[in-house]
Amino acid sequence: MNRWIAVMLLAAGLTGLLYYGAAGNPWVMLHEALARPDEYDGRVINLFVFPKIERIHADGFDIREANGHPIRVYGDPAGLRAGEYVGLNAVFRKEGYLVALEASVSERRRYKVFLSLFPVAVVGFLFMRTFRFNFRKMQFEARDA
């Protein structure tokens, strides 16, 4: 019974933290702003899905988020290159473009993603060395020593 009380208290705490995060400081994402442009005009947009720079212009650049449409961003393109991933904070305009406040190239992002797979493989290897899957019972069991 004590375990259920602890689980319920932790679940209630997590729910409270989620509500606080959503109500207190909601991050506005680009797809939300594009769906309702009048409502989000002038709001700061956080692009943390690391959109990719498609094209560089004299007064800005074009970006594309994963499975998204290209969006024009006005701002200083110094130090940015086409094909790189960029972290971006920008002001959304209802006409469908962004005005960059901060833009930073995510250097070596592809290598970081590849490197993060190494710990997953190590943990998987150690798990499979310690446990085996019993197909009759459809569950993992400890290996005999």
Protein backbone atom coordinates (compact mmCIF):
# COMPACT_ATOMS: atom_id res chain seq x y z
CA MET A 1 0.00 0.00 0.00
CA ASN A 2 2.85 2.38 0.81
CA ARG A 3 4.28 1.81 -2.66
CA TRP A 4 1.01 2.92 -4.28
CA ILE A 5 0.92 6.06 -2.18
CA ALA A 6 4.49 6.89 -3.19
CA VAL A 7 3.70 6.27 -6.86
CA MET A 8 0.60 8.47 -6.69
CA LEU A 9 2.49 11.27 -4.93
CA LEU A 10 5.27 11.16 -7.50
CA ALA A 11 2.76 11.12 -10.36
CA ALA A 12 0.93 14.10 -8.83
CA GLY A 13 4.22 15.95 -8.43
CA LEU A 14 5.19 15.26 -12.02
CA THR A 15 1.77 16.41 -13.22
CA GLY A 16 2.17 19.61 -11.23
CA LEU A 17 5.59 20.28 -12.72
CA LEU A 18 4.28 19.69 -16.24
CA TYR A 19 1.41 22.11 -15.65
CA TYR A 20 3.78 24.70 -14.17
CA GLY A 21 6.08 24.42 -17.18
CA ALA A 22 3.24 24.75 -19.68
CA ALA A 23 1.47 27.60 -17.90
CA GLY A 24 4.46 29.48 -16.51
CA ASN A 25 6.76 29.74 -19.50
CA PRO A 26 5.41 27.98 -22.57
CA TRP A 27 7.88 27.68 -25.41
CA VAL A 28 6.29 28.66 -28.66
CA MET A 29 7.26 26.30 -31.43
CA LEU A 30 7.28 27.20 -35.11
CA HIS A 31 4.48 24.84 -36.15
CA GLU A 32 2.18 26.42 -33.54
CA ALA A 33 2.95 29.91 -34.81
CA LEU A 34 2.41 28.94 -38.44
CA ALA A 35 -0.94 27.35 -37.59
CA ARG A 36 -2.23 30.55 -35.90
CA PRO A 37 -0.10 33.46 -37.19
CA ASP A 38 -2.27 36.30 -35.84
CA GLU A 39 -2.12 34.91 -32.31
CA TYR A 40 1.68 34.53 -32.28
CA ASP A 41 2.71 37.71 -34.14
CA GLY A 42 5.66 39.29 -32.32
CA ARG A 43 6.28 36.32 -30.00
CA VAL A 44 9.71 34.75 -29.55
CA ILE A 45 10.03 31.36 -31.24
CA ASN A 46 12.50 28.75 -29.98
CA LEU A 47 13.79 26.39 -32.63
CA PHE A 48 15.53 23.59 -30.76
CA VAL A 49 14.80 20.82 -33.25
CA PHE A 50 17.89 22.16 -35.00
CA PRO A 51 16.61 23.35 -38.33
CA LYS A 52 18.97 23.05 -41.24
CA ILE A 53 20.14 26.12 -43.15
CA GLU A 54 19.14 25.76 -46.78
CA ARG A 55 20.25 29.02 -48.36
CA ILE A 56 22.19 32.11 -47.29
CA HIS A 57 21.09 35.59 -48.42
CA ALA A 58 22.65 39.00 -47.87
CA ASP A 59 19.97 39.94 -45.33
CA GLY A 60 19.33 36.54 -43.77
CA PHE A 61 18.90 32.86 -44.55
CA ASP A 62 16.33 30.15 -45.22
CA ILE A 63 15.87 27.26 -42.79
CA ARG A 64 13.93 24.00 -42.89
CA GLU A 65 12.92 22.01 -39.83
CA ALA A 66 12.54 18.25 -40.06
CA ASN A 67 9.52 17.51 -42.29
CA GLY A 68 8.78 21.22 -42.55
CA HIS A 69 8.55 23.95 -45.12
CA PRO A 70 11.36 26.43 -45.73
CA ILE A 71 11.08 29.58 -43.62
CA ARG A 72 12.83 32.88 -44.29
CA VAL A 73 14.85 34.29 -41.39
CA TYR A 74 16.03 37.90 -41.44
CA GLY A 75 19.19 38.59 -39.49
CA ASP A 76 22.97 38.59 -39.66
CA PRO A 77 24.12 35.51 -41.60
CA ALA A 78 27.79 35.97 -40.64
CA GLY A 79 29.39 32.68 -39.65
CA LEU A 80 26.52 30.56 -40.97
CA ARG A 81 26.87 28.04 -43.80
CA ALA A 82 24.31 26.23 -45.91
CA GLY A 83 23.79 22.63 -44.84
CA GLU A 84 24.59 23.26 -41.17
CA TYR A 85 22.18 22.81 -38.27
CA VAL A 86 21.39 25.97 -36.33
CA GLY A 87 19.85 26.70 -32.94
CA LEU A 88 17.64 29.75 -33.25
CA ASN A 89 15.67 32.19 -31.14
CA ALA A 90 13.65 34.52 -33.34
CA VAL A 91 10.63 36.81 -33.38
CA PHE A 92 7.75 35.43 -35.46
CA ARG A 93 5.91 37.74 -37.86
CA LYS A 94 2.42 36.90 -39.07
CA GLU A 95 3.52 37.34 -42.68
CA GLY A 96 5.37 34.03 -42.30
CA TYR A 97 8.98 35.01 -41.63
CA LEU A 98 11.28 35.21 -38.60
CA VAL A 99 13.58 37.94 -37.31
CA ALA A 100 16.62 36.34 -35.67
CA LEU A 101 17.57 37.29 -32.12
CA GLU A 102 20.18 34.55 -31.64
CA ALA A 103 21.53 32.04 -34.12
CA SER A 104 24.30 29.57 -33.41
CA VAL A 105 25.64 26.78 -35.58
CA SER A 106 25.49 23.39 -33.91
CA GLU A 107 29.01 22.31 -34.69
CA ARG A 108 29.66 18.60 -35.15
CA ARG A 109 26.04 17.69 -34.38
CA ARG A 110 26.14 14.59 -36.55
CA TYR A 111 29.20 13.31 -34.67
CA LYS A 112 27.56 13.97 -31.31
CA VAL A 113 24.51 11.95 -32.31
CA PHE A 114 26.69 9.07 -33.50
CA LEU A 115 28.79 9.23 -30.33
CA SER A 116 25.68 9.10 -28.14
CA LEU A 117 24.82 5.68 -29.61
CA PHE A 118 27.95 4.15 -28.04
CA PRO A 119 26.63 4.14 -24.42
CA VAL A 120 23.35 2.60 -25.63
CA ALA A 121 25.27 -0.24 -27.27
CA VAL A 122 27.39 -0.80 -24.14
CA VAL A 123 24.34 -0.90 -21.86
CA GLY A 124 22.56 -3.24 -24.29
CA PHE A 125 25.58 -5.56 -24.37
CA LEU A 126 25.85 -5.62 -20.56
CA PHE A 127 22.10 -6.23 -20.26
CA MET A 128 22.18 -9.15 -22.68
CA ARG A 129 25.21 -10.61 -20.86
CA THR A 130 23.29 -10.54 -17.57
CA PHE A 131 19.83 -11.53 -18.83
CA ARG A 132 18.37 -13.71 -21.53
CA PHE A 133 14.94 -13.65 -23.12
CA ASN A 134 12.68 -16.66 -22.50
CA PHE A 135 10.38 -16.93 -25.52
CA ARG A 136 8.08 -19.43 -23.79
CA LYS A 137 7.33 -17.01 -20.94
CA MET A 138 7.94 -13.89 -23.06
CA GLN A 139 10.10 -12.24 -20.42
CA PHE A 140 13.72 -11.64 -19.49
CA GLU A 141 15.37 -13.94 -16.98
CA ALA A 142 18.70 -13.78 -15.18
CA ARG A 143 21.38 -15.95 -16.75
CA ASP A 144 22.68 -18.78 -14.60
CA ALA A 145 26.21 -18.25 -13.31
